[in-house]
């Protein structure tokens, strides 16, 4: 006689949807340590440059680097405390960002970096039109007509606002030079 098979146990994460556990890309502890080291280096740079300018007290009062030197010193001290606390284990098990969320951030970061590089050759307006059209097409899933129309409309409006009405020149490329701007 065969006994009926018991159903498999339910998956504890089956109906959680977006709340399912995600794998961590980096811990809070690691990010705090990296951030503390970067800001510590920045504070040390401030102190070094302030010493070059003169960070003491002169006969006529504080020298040019006096206040920046102490701001840099305070920054270094605070970063040292943050690094030490993180090194001792504060936030060791907490996830700073999951791999999935980091992937979403990088999906915005890399095209933005390309935009900044393209801007060096094509200028602000042409690069912005390409960037807007690309993002509307890629992320928004809009058609080519809508993407190009909005991109050109935004860029023309910004051009008129800054170059014509406010007369604030922005970085231009070869297309604007051909048009006489």
N, C-alpha and C. Protein backbone atom coordinates (compact mmCIF):
# COMPACT_ATOMS: atom_id res chain seq x y z
N UNK A 1 0.83 -1.17 0.00
CA UNK A 1 0.00 0.00 0.00
C UNK A 1 0.89 1.25 0.00
N UNK A 2 0.66 2.12 -0.93
CA UNK A 2 1.45 3.34 -1.02
C UNK A 2 0.79 4.45 -0.21
N UNK A 3 1.64 5.10 0.56
CA UNK A 3 1.15 6.24 1.35
C UNK A 3 1.10 7.47 0.45
N UNK A 4 0.11 8.33 0.64
CA UNK A 4 0.06 9.55 -0.18
C UNK A 4 1.28 10.43 0.11
N UNK A 5 1.75 11.06 -0.94
CA UNK A 5 2.93 11.95 -0.79
C UNK A 5 2.49 13.27 -0.18
N UNK A 6 3.28 13.73 0.76
CA UNK A 6 3.00 15.02 1.39
C UNK A 6 3.42 16.13 0.43
N UNK A 7 2.66 17.21 0.36
CA UNK A 7 3.06 18.32 -0.52
C UNK A 7 4.35 18.95 -0.01
N UNK A 8 5.12 19.52 -0.91
CA UNK A 8 6.38 20.15 -0.47
C UNK A 8 6.07 21.34 0.45
N UNK A 9 6.99 21.62 1.36
CA UNK A 9 6.76 22.76 2.25
C UNK A 9 6.71 24.05 1.44
N UNK A 10 5.90 25.00 1.86
CA UNK A 10 5.78 26.26 1.11
C UNK A 10 7.10 27.05 1.17
N UNK A 11 7.37 27.73 0.07
CA UNK A 11 8.56 28.58 0.01
C UNK A 11 8.29 29.82 0.85
N UNK A 12 9.14 30.10 1.84
CA UNK A 12 8.87 31.26 2.71
C UNK A 12 8.95 32.60 1.98
N UNK A 13 9.58 32.62 0.81
CA UNK A 13 9.73 33.88 0.09
C UNK A 13 8.88 33.92 -1.18
N UNK A 14 7.99 32.98 -1.35
CA UNK A 14 7.24 32.85 -2.60
C UNK A 14 6.33 34.04 -2.87
N UNK A 15 5.67 34.58 -1.87
CA UNK A 15 4.71 35.66 -2.12
C UNK A 15 5.22 37.02 -1.66
N UNK A 16 6.53 37.15 -1.50
CA UNK A 16 7.07 38.43 -1.05
C UNK A 16 7.27 39.39 -2.21
N UNK A 17 7.37 38.91 -3.42
CA UNK A 17 7.52 39.79 -4.58
C UNK A 17 8.81 40.56 -4.51
N UNK A 18 8.70 41.89 -4.50
CA UNK A 18 9.88 42.75 -4.49
C UNK A 18 10.60 42.75 -3.15
N UNK A 19 9.99 42.22 -2.11
CA UNK A 19 10.62 42.23 -0.80
C UNK A 19 11.49 41.01 -0.56
N UNK A 20 11.70 40.19 -1.57
CA UNK A 20 12.54 39.01 -1.41
C UNK A 20 13.96 39.44 -1.07
N UNK A 21 14.68 38.64 -0.29
CA UNK A 21 16.03 39.04 0.08
C UNK A 21 16.92 39.19 -1.15
N UNK A 22 17.73 40.20 -1.15
CA UNK A 22 18.63 40.47 -2.26
C UNK A 22 20.06 40.29 -1.78
N UNK A 23 20.93 39.93 -2.69
CA UNK A 23 22.33 39.76 -2.31
C UNK A 23 22.99 41.12 -2.23
N UNK A 24 23.82 41.28 -1.22
CA UNK A 24 24.46 42.56 -0.97
C UNK A 24 25.65 42.76 -1.90
N UNK A 25 25.77 43.96 -2.43
CA UNK A 25 26.92 44.30 -3.26
C UNK A 25 28.07 44.77 -2.38
N UNK A 26 27.75 45.48 -1.29
CA UNK A 26 28.77 45.99 -0.38
C UNK A 26 28.11 46.29 0.96
N UNK A 27 28.85 46.10 2.02
CA UNK A 27 28.29 46.33 3.35
C UNK A 27 28.39 47.80 3.73
N UNK A 28 27.58 48.18 4.70
CA UNK A 28 27.62 49.55 5.22
C UNK A 28 28.99 49.83 5.82
N UNK A 29 29.54 48.86 6.51
CA UNK A 29 30.86 49.02 7.13
C UNK A 29 31.92 49.36 6.08
N UNK A 30 31.94 48.61 4.99
CA UNK A 30 32.93 48.86 3.94
C UNK A 30 32.76 50.25 3.33
N UNK A 31 31.53 50.64 3.07
CA UNK A 31 31.28 51.96 2.49
C UNK A 31 31.69 53.08 3.44
N UNK A 32 31.42 52.90 4.73
CA UNK A 32 31.83 53.91 5.70
C UNK A 32 33.35 54.03 5.75
N UNK A 33 34.03 52.90 5.67
CA UNK A 33 35.49 52.94 5.70
C UNK A 33 36.06 53.62 4.45
N UNK A 34 35.52 53.27 3.28
CA UNK A 34 35.98 53.89 2.03
C UNK A 34 35.70 55.38 2.03
N UNK A 35 34.49 55.76 2.43
CA UNK A 35 34.13 57.18 2.46
C UNK A 35 35.01 57.94 3.44
N UNK A 36 35.26 57.36 4.60
CA UNK A 36 36.12 58.01 5.59
C UNK A 36 37.53 58.21 5.04
N UNK A 37 38.06 57.21 4.33
CA UNK A 37 39.41 57.34 3.76
C UNK A 37 39.47 58.40 2.66
N UNK A 38 38.45 58.45 1.81
CA UNK A 38 38.43 59.45 0.74
C UNK A 38 38.35 60.86 1.34
N UNK A 39 37.46 61.04 2.31
CA UNK A 39 37.34 62.37 2.93
C UNK A 39 38.57 62.70 3.78
N UNK A 40 39.21 61.71 4.36
CA UNK A 40 40.45 61.93 5.10
C UNK A 40 41.53 62.44 4.16
N UNK A 41 41.63 61.85 2.98
CA UNK A 41 42.59 62.32 1.98
C UNK A 41 42.27 63.75 1.54
N UNK A 42 40.99 64.05 1.39
CA UNK A 42 40.57 65.41 1.02
C UNK A 42 40.95 66.40 2.13
N UNK A 43 40.71 66.03 3.38
CA UNK A 43 41.08 66.88 4.51
C UNK A 43 42.58 67.08 4.58
N UNK A 44 43.37 66.02 4.32
CA UNK A 44 44.83 66.14 4.33
C UNK A 44 45.29 67.07 3.20
N UNK A 45 44.64 67.00 2.05
CA UNK A 45 44.97 67.89 0.93
C UNK A 45 44.69 69.35 1.32
N UNK A 46 43.58 69.58 1.97
CA UNK A 46 43.24 70.93 2.43
C UNK A 46 44.30 71.43 3.41
N UNK A 47 44.71 70.58 4.35
CA UNK A 47 45.73 70.97 5.33
C UNK A 47 47.06 71.26 4.64
N UNK A 48 47.44 70.42 3.68
CA UNK A 48 48.71 70.61 2.98
C UNK A 48 48.71 71.93 2.21
N UNK A 49 47.64 72.20 1.47
CA UNK A 49 47.57 73.42 0.68
C UNK A 49 47.47 74.65 1.58
N UNK A 50 46.79 74.52 2.71
CA UNK A 50 46.70 75.65 3.64
C UNK A 50 48.05 75.95 4.26
N UNK A 51 48.84 74.91 4.51
CA UNK A 51 50.20 75.13 5.03
C UNK A 51 51.05 75.84 4.00
N UNK A 52 50.86 75.50 2.74
CA UNK A 52 51.60 76.16 1.66
C UNK A 52 51.27 77.65 1.61
N UNK A 53 50.00 77.98 1.86
CA UNK A 53 49.57 79.39 1.84
C UNK A 53 49.97 80.14 3.10
N UNK A 54 50.18 79.39 4.16
CA UNK A 54 50.45 80.00 5.46
C UNK A 54 49.27 79.77 6.37
N UNK A 55 49.45 78.89 7.34
CA UNK A 55 48.33 78.53 8.21
C UNK A 55 48.52 79.02 9.63
N UNK A 56 49.44 79.91 9.81
CA UNK A 56 49.70 80.42 11.16
C UNK A 56 49.02 81.75 11.40
N UNK A 57 49.47 82.37 12.47
CA UNK A 57 48.96 83.67 12.85
C UNK A 57 50.04 84.69 12.57
N UNK A 58 49.78 85.60 11.67
CA UNK A 58 50.76 86.62 11.30
C UNK A 58 50.63 87.84 12.18
N UNK A 59 51.48 88.83 11.92
CA UNK A 59 51.45 90.07 12.71
C UNK A 59 50.16 90.85 12.49
N UNK A 60 49.53 90.64 11.32
CA UNK A 60 48.29 91.35 11.02
C UNK A 60 47.06 90.45 11.15
N UNK A 61 47.20 89.30 11.79
CA UNK A 61 46.05 88.40 11.99
C UNK A 61 46.29 87.06 11.33
N UNK A 62 45.23 86.33 11.12
CA UNK A 62 45.40 84.98 10.55
C UNK A 62 45.86 85.05 9.10
N UNK A 63 46.74 84.11 8.75
CA UNK A 63 47.20 84.04 7.37
C UNK A 63 46.11 83.39 6.51
N UNK A 64 46.34 83.38 5.21
CA UNK A 64 45.31 82.94 4.26
C UNK A 64 44.85 81.50 4.49
N UNK A 65 45.74 80.65 4.95
CA UNK A 65 45.37 79.25 5.13
C UNK A 65 45.00 78.87 6.54
N UNK A 66 44.86 79.85 7.44
CA UNK A 66 44.61 79.55 8.85
C UNK A 66 43.29 78.79 9.06
N UNK A 67 42.20 79.38 8.62
CA UNK A 67 40.89 78.74 8.83
C UNK A 67 40.72 77.46 7.99
N UNK A 68 41.13 77.47 6.70
CA UNK A 68 41.02 76.21 5.95
C UNK A 68 41.85 75.08 6.57
N UNK A 69 43.00 75.40 7.14
CA UNK A 69 43.82 74.37 7.77
C UNK A 69 43.05 73.69 8.90
N UNK A 70 42.41 74.48 9.73
CA UNK A 70 41.68 73.89 10.87
C UNK A 70 40.39 73.19 10.44
N UNK A 71 39.79 73.65 9.36
CA UNK A 71 38.64 72.93 8.81
C UNK A 71 39.11 71.56 8.30
N UNK A 72 40.25 71.53 7.60
CA UNK A 72 40.81 70.27 7.12
C UNK A 72 41.20 69.36 8.28
N UNK A 73 41.75 69.93 9.34
CA UNK A 73 42.12 69.15 10.53
C UNK A 73 40.87 68.54 11.18
N UNK A 74 39.83 69.34 11.32
CA UNK A 74 38.58 68.84 11.89
C UNK A 74 37.99 67.73 11.02
N UNK A 75 38.05 67.91 9.70
CA UNK A 75 37.57 66.89 8.78
C UNK A 75 38.36 65.59 8.95
N UNK A 76 39.68 65.70 9.07
CA UNK A 76 40.51 64.51 9.25
C UNK A 76 40.20 63.82 10.58
N UNK A 77 40.01 64.58 11.64
CA UNK A 77 39.69 63.98 12.94
C UNK A 77 38.35 63.25 12.89
N UNK A 78 37.34 63.88 12.31
CA UNK A 78 36.02 63.24 12.20
C UNK A 78 36.08 61.98 11.35
N UNK A 79 36.83 62.03 10.27
CA UNK A 79 36.95 60.86 9.40
C UNK A 79 37.71 59.75 10.11
N UNK A 80 38.69 60.11 10.93
CA UNK A 80 39.40 59.10 11.70
C UNK A 80 38.47 58.39 12.68
N UNK A 81 37.59 59.15 13.33
CA UNK A 81 36.63 58.55 14.26
C UNK A 81 35.66 57.63 13.50
N UNK A 82 35.16 58.09 12.36
CA UNK A 82 34.23 57.28 11.56
C UNK A 82 34.92 56.00 11.08
N UNK A 83 36.16 56.12 10.60
CA UNK A 83 36.88 54.94 10.14
C UNK A 83 37.09 53.95 11.29
N UNK A 84 37.49 54.45 12.45
CA UNK A 84 37.75 53.57 13.59
C UNK A 84 36.47 52.85 14.04
N UNK A 85 35.36 53.58 14.10
CA UNK A 85 34.09 52.96 14.49
C UNK A 85 33.67 51.90 13.47
N UNK A 86 33.83 52.19 12.19
CA UNK A 86 33.48 51.21 11.16
C UNK A 86 34.42 50.01 11.22
N UNK A 87 35.68 50.24 11.46
CA UNK A 87 36.67 49.16 11.53
C UNK A 87 36.38 48.23 12.70
N UNK A 88 35.87 48.80 13.79
CA UNK A 88 35.55 47.99 14.97
C UNK A 88 34.29 47.15 14.76
N UNK A 89 33.57 47.39 13.68
CA UNK A 89 32.46 46.49 13.38
C UNK A 89 31.10 47.12 13.30
N UNK A 90 30.97 48.41 13.44
CA UNK A 90 29.65 49.04 13.33
C UNK A 90 29.15 48.87 11.90
N UNK A 91 27.97 48.31 11.75
CA UNK A 91 27.35 48.14 10.43
C UNK A 91 27.95 47.01 9.62
N UNK A 92 28.65 46.07 10.28
CA UNK A 92 29.33 45.00 9.55
C UNK A 92 28.37 44.11 8.80
N UNK A 93 27.21 43.84 9.35
CA UNK A 93 26.28 42.91 8.72
C UNK A 93 25.19 43.60 7.92
N UNK A 94 25.14 44.90 7.94
CA UNK A 94 24.11 45.61 7.19
C UNK A 94 24.55 45.82 5.75
N UNK A 95 23.61 45.63 4.84
CA UNK A 95 23.89 45.85 3.44
C UNK A 95 23.74 47.32 3.10
N UNK A 96 24.73 47.87 2.43
CA UNK A 96 24.65 49.26 1.98
C UNK A 96 23.77 49.35 0.74
N UNK A 97 24.00 48.42 -0.19
CA UNK A 97 23.22 48.38 -1.42
C UNK A 97 23.23 46.94 -1.93
N UNK A 98 22.10 46.54 -2.48
CA UNK A 98 22.02 45.20 -3.06
C UNK A 98 22.57 45.23 -4.49
N UNK A 99 22.91 44.07 -4.98
CA UNK A 99 23.42 43.99 -6.36
C UNK A 99 22.39 44.49 -7.36
N UNK A 100 21.12 44.17 -7.10
CA UNK A 100 20.06 44.58 -8.03
C UNK A 100 19.91 46.10 -8.05
N UNK A 101 19.94 46.71 -6.89
CA UNK A 101 19.80 48.18 -6.82
C UNK A 101 21.04 48.87 -7.38
N UNK A 102 22.21 48.29 -7.13
CA UNK A 102 23.44 48.85 -7.69
C UNK A 102 23.41 48.78 -9.21
N UNK A 103 22.85 47.72 -9.75
CA UNK A 103 22.73 47.59 -11.20
C UNK A 103 21.84 48.71 -11.76
N UNK A 104 20.77 49.05 -11.04
CA UNK A 104 19.91 50.15 -11.48
C UNK A 104 20.63 51.49 -11.44
N UNK A 105 21.42 51.70 -10.40
CA UNK A 105 22.20 52.95 -10.30
C UNK A 105 23.21 53.04 -11.42
N UNK A 106 23.90 51.94 -11.69
CA UNK A 106 24.90 51.94 -12.75
C UNK A 106 24.25 52.10 -14.13
N UNK A 107 23.01 51.67 -14.27
CA UNK A 107 22.29 51.87 -15.53
C UNK A 107 22.06 53.35 -15.79
N UNK A 108 22.09 54.16 -14.76
CA UNK A 108 21.99 55.61 -14.93
C UNK A 108 23.37 56.26 -14.99
N UNK A 109 24.32 55.70 -14.24
CA UNK A 109 25.65 56.29 -14.13
C UNK A 109 26.43 56.22 -15.44
N UNK A 110 26.50 55.05 -16.06
CA UNK A 110 27.33 54.90 -17.26
C UNK A 110 26.85 55.77 -18.41
N UNK A 111 25.57 55.83 -18.72
CA UNK A 111 25.15 56.75 -19.79
C UNK A 111 25.43 58.22 -19.44
N UNK A 112 25.33 58.56 -18.17
CA UNK A 112 25.61 59.94 -17.77
C UNK A 112 27.10 60.25 -17.95
N UNK A 113 27.96 59.30 -17.65
CA UNK A 113 29.39 59.48 -17.87
C UNK A 113 29.69 59.63 -19.36
N UNK A 114 29.04 58.83 -20.19
CA UNK A 114 29.21 58.95 -21.64
C UNK A 114 28.73 60.33 -22.10
N UNK A 115 27.62 60.79 -21.54
CA UNK A 115 27.08 62.12 -21.86
C UNK A 115 28.12 63.20 -21.57
N UNK A 116 28.76 63.12 -20.43
CA UNK A 116 29.77 64.12 -20.07
C UNK A 116 30.96 64.08 -21.01
N UNK A 117 31.35 62.89 -21.44
CA UNK A 117 32.47 62.77 -22.37
C UNK A 117 32.08 63.28 -23.76
N UNK A 118 30.89 62.94 -24.23
CA UNK A 118 30.42 63.38 -25.54
C UNK A 118 30.27 64.91 -25.57
N UNK A 119 29.90 65.48 -24.44
CA UNK A 119 29.73 66.92 -24.34
C UNK A 119 31.02 67.67 -24.68
N UNK A 120 32.16 67.05 -24.41
CA UNK A 120 33.44 67.71 -24.70
C UNK A 120 33.65 67.94 -26.19
N UNK A 121 33.07 67.06 -27.03
CA UNK A 121 33.25 67.19 -28.47
C UNK A 121 32.06 67.84 -29.16
N UNK A 122 30.86 67.55 -28.70
CA UNK A 122 29.68 68.04 -29.40
C UNK A 122 29.05 69.26 -28.76
N UNK A 123 29.47 69.61 -27.57
CA UNK A 123 28.88 70.74 -26.87
C UNK A 123 27.69 70.31 -26.03
N UNK A 124 27.24 71.21 -25.17
CA UNK A 124 26.17 70.93 -24.22
C UNK A 124 24.84 70.63 -24.90
N UNK A 125 24.49 71.41 -25.89
CA UNK A 125 23.16 71.30 -26.46
C UNK A 125 22.96 70.02 -27.27
N UNK A 126 23.90 69.69 -28.13
CA UNK A 126 23.77 68.49 -28.95
C UNK A 126 23.87 67.24 -28.06
N UNK A 127 24.81 67.23 -27.13
CA UNK A 127 24.94 66.09 -26.22
C UNK A 127 23.68 65.92 -25.37
N UNK A 128 23.09 67.04 -24.95
CA UNK A 128 21.86 66.95 -24.15
C UNK A 128 20.70 66.40 -24.95
N UNK A 129 20.60 66.81 -26.21
CA UNK A 129 19.53 66.29 -27.06
C UNK A 129 19.69 64.78 -27.25
N UNK A 130 20.91 64.32 -27.49
CA UNK A 130 21.16 62.89 -27.64
C UNK A 130 20.86 62.14 -26.35
N UNK A 131 21.25 62.72 -25.23
CA UNK A 131 21.05 62.10 -23.92
C UNK A 131 19.56 61.96 -23.59
N UNK A 132 18.81 63.02 -23.82
CA UNK A 132 17.37 62.99 -23.52
C UNK A 132 16.67 61.98 -24.43
N UNK A 133 16.98 62.02 -25.71
CA UNK A 133 16.35 61.09 -26.64
C UNK A 133 16.71 59.64 -26.31
N UNK A 134 17.97 59.41 -25.97
CA UNK A 134 18.42 58.06 -25.61
C UNK A 134 17.67 57.55 -24.39
N UNK A 135 17.57 58.37 -23.35
CA UNK A 135 16.91 57.92 -22.13
C UNK A 135 15.41 57.74 -22.31
N UNK A 136 14.79 58.61 -23.08
CA UNK A 136 13.36 58.43 -23.32
C UNK A 136 13.11 57.14 -24.08
N UNK A 137 13.97 56.84 -25.02
CA UNK A 137 13.80 55.63 -25.82
C UNK A 137 14.13 54.38 -25.00
N UNK A 138 15.24 54.42 -24.26
CA UNK A 138 15.73 53.26 -23.54
C UNK A 138 14.95 52.99 -22.26
N UNK A 139 14.84 53.97 -21.40
CA UNK A 139 14.19 53.77 -20.11
C UNK A 139 12.68 53.98 -20.18
N UNK A 140 12.25 54.97 -20.93
CA UNK A 140 10.82 55.28 -21.00
C UNK A 140 10.06 54.48 -22.04
N UNK A 141 10.79 53.84 -22.96
CA UNK A 141 10.18 53.03 -24.03
C UNK A 141 9.27 53.86 -24.93
N UNK A 142 9.59 55.14 -25.10
CA UNK A 142 8.84 56.00 -26.01
C UNK A 142 9.29 55.74 -27.44
N UNK A 143 8.46 56.10 -28.38
CA UNK A 143 8.80 55.96 -29.80
C UNK A 143 9.84 57.01 -30.20
N UNK A 144 10.41 56.80 -31.40
CA UNK A 144 11.44 57.72 -31.87
C UNK A 144 10.90 59.13 -32.06
N UNK A 145 9.69 59.27 -32.57
CA UNK A 145 9.14 60.60 -32.80
C UNK A 145 9.01 61.40 -31.52
N UNK A 146 8.44 60.78 -30.49
CA UNK A 146 8.27 61.46 -29.20
C UNK A 146 9.63 61.76 -28.57
N UNK A 147 10.54 60.81 -28.62
CA UNK A 147 11.86 60.99 -28.00
C UNK A 147 12.63 62.13 -28.65
N UNK A 148 12.68 62.13 -29.96
CA UNK A 148 13.42 63.18 -30.68
C UNK A 148 12.71 64.52 -30.52
N UNK A 149 11.38 64.53 -30.59
CA UNK A 149 10.63 65.78 -30.44
C UNK A 149 10.84 66.43 -29.08
N UNK A 150 10.75 65.66 -28.02
CA UNK A 150 10.95 66.21 -26.67
C UNK A 150 12.40 66.66 -26.51
N UNK A 151 13.36 65.85 -26.98
CA UNK A 151 14.77 66.21 -26.84
C UNK A 151 15.06 67.52 -27.56
N UNK A 152 14.58 67.66 -28.78
CA UNK A 152 14.82 68.91 -29.51
C UNK A 152 14.08 70.09 -28.87
N UNK A 153 12.86 69.85 -28.41
CA UNK A 153 12.10 70.92 -27.75
C UNK A 153 12.78 71.43 -26.49
N UNK A 154 13.27 70.52 -25.68
CA UNK A 154 13.95 70.92 -24.44
C UNK A 154 15.23 71.68 -24.75
N UNK A 155 16.00 71.17 -25.70
CA UNK A 155 17.28 71.81 -26.02
C UNK A 155 17.07 73.18 -26.66
N UNK A 156 16.10 73.30 -27.54
CA UNK A 156 15.81 74.61 -28.14
C UNK A 156 15.34 75.59 -27.07
N UNK A 157 14.49 75.14 -26.17
CA UNK A 157 14.02 76.01 -25.09
C UNK A 157 15.18 76.46 -24.20
N UNK A 158 16.08 75.53 -23.86
CA UNK A 158 17.24 75.91 -23.04
C UNK A 158 18.17 76.85 -23.79
N UNK A 159 18.36 76.60 -25.09
CA UNK A 159 19.20 77.48 -25.90
C UNK A 159 18.63 78.89 -25.92
N UNK A 160 17.33 79.02 -26.18
CA UNK A 160 16.71 80.34 -26.20
C UNK A 160 16.81 81.01 -24.84
N UNK A 161 16.58 80.25 -23.78
CA UNK A 161 16.59 80.84 -22.43
C UNK A 161 17.98 81.33 -22.07
N UNK A 162 18.99 80.49 -22.25
CA UNK A 162 20.32 80.88 -21.79
C UNK A 162 21.05 81.78 -22.79
N UNK A 163 21.09 81.39 -24.04
CA UNK A 163 21.89 82.12 -25.02
C UNK A 163 21.24 83.41 -25.50
N UNK A 164 19.92 83.40 -25.67
CA UNK A 164 19.25 84.57 -26.25
C UNK A 164 18.71 85.50 -25.17
N UNK A 165 17.89 84.98 -24.27
CA UNK A 165 17.23 85.84 -23.30
C UNK A 165 18.14 86.26 -22.15
N UNK A 166 18.81 85.31 -21.50
CA UNK A 166 19.69 85.66 -20.36
C UNK A 166 21.09 86.05 -20.81
N UNK A 167 21.44 85.73 -22.04
CA UNK A 167 22.76 85.98 -22.61
C UNK A 167 23.87 85.40 -21.74
N UNK A 168 23.65 84.14 -21.33
CA UNK A 168 24.65 83.39 -20.58
C UNK A 168 25.18 82.31 -21.50
N UNK A 169 26.41 82.47 -21.98
CA UNK A 169 26.93 81.47 -22.92
C UNK A 169 27.27 80.17 -22.20
N UNK A 170 26.79 79.07 -22.76
CA UNK A 170 27.12 77.74 -22.25
C UNK A 170 28.05 77.06 -23.24
N UNK A 171 28.60 75.95 -22.86
CA UNK A 171 29.58 75.23 -23.68
C UNK A 171 28.96 74.76 -24.98
N UNK A 172 29.54 75.22 -26.08
CA UNK A 172 29.00 74.90 -27.39
C UNK A 172 29.99 74.06 -28.19
N UNK A 173 29.45 73.34 -29.16
CA UNK A 173 30.26 72.48 -30.02
C UNK A 173 30.29 72.97 -31.44
N UNK A 174 30.66 72.09 -32.37
CA UNK A 174 30.79 72.50 -33.78
C UNK A 174 29.48 72.89 -34.45
N UNK A 175 28.36 72.29 -34.06
CA UNK A 175 27.07 72.65 -34.67
C UNK A 175 26.71 74.10 -34.37
N UNK A 176 26.87 74.51 -33.14
CA UNK A 176 26.55 75.89 -32.78
C UNK A 176 27.52 76.86 -33.48
N UNK A 177 28.78 76.44 -33.65
CA UNK A 177 29.75 77.29 -34.35
C UNK A 177 29.33 77.47 -35.81
N UNK A 178 28.81 76.39 -36.43
CA UNK A 178 28.34 76.50 -37.83
C UNK A 178 27.14 77.44 -37.92
N UNK A 179 26.33 77.51 -36.85
CA UNK A 179 25.15 78.37 -36.84
C UNK A 179 25.49 79.80 -36.43
N UNK A 180 26.75 80.07 -36.12
CA UNK A 180 27.18 81.43 -35.78
C UNK A 180 27.13 81.77 -34.31
N UNK A 181 27.04 80.81 -33.44
CA UNK A 181 27.03 81.08 -32.00
C UNK A 181 28.33 80.69 -31.37
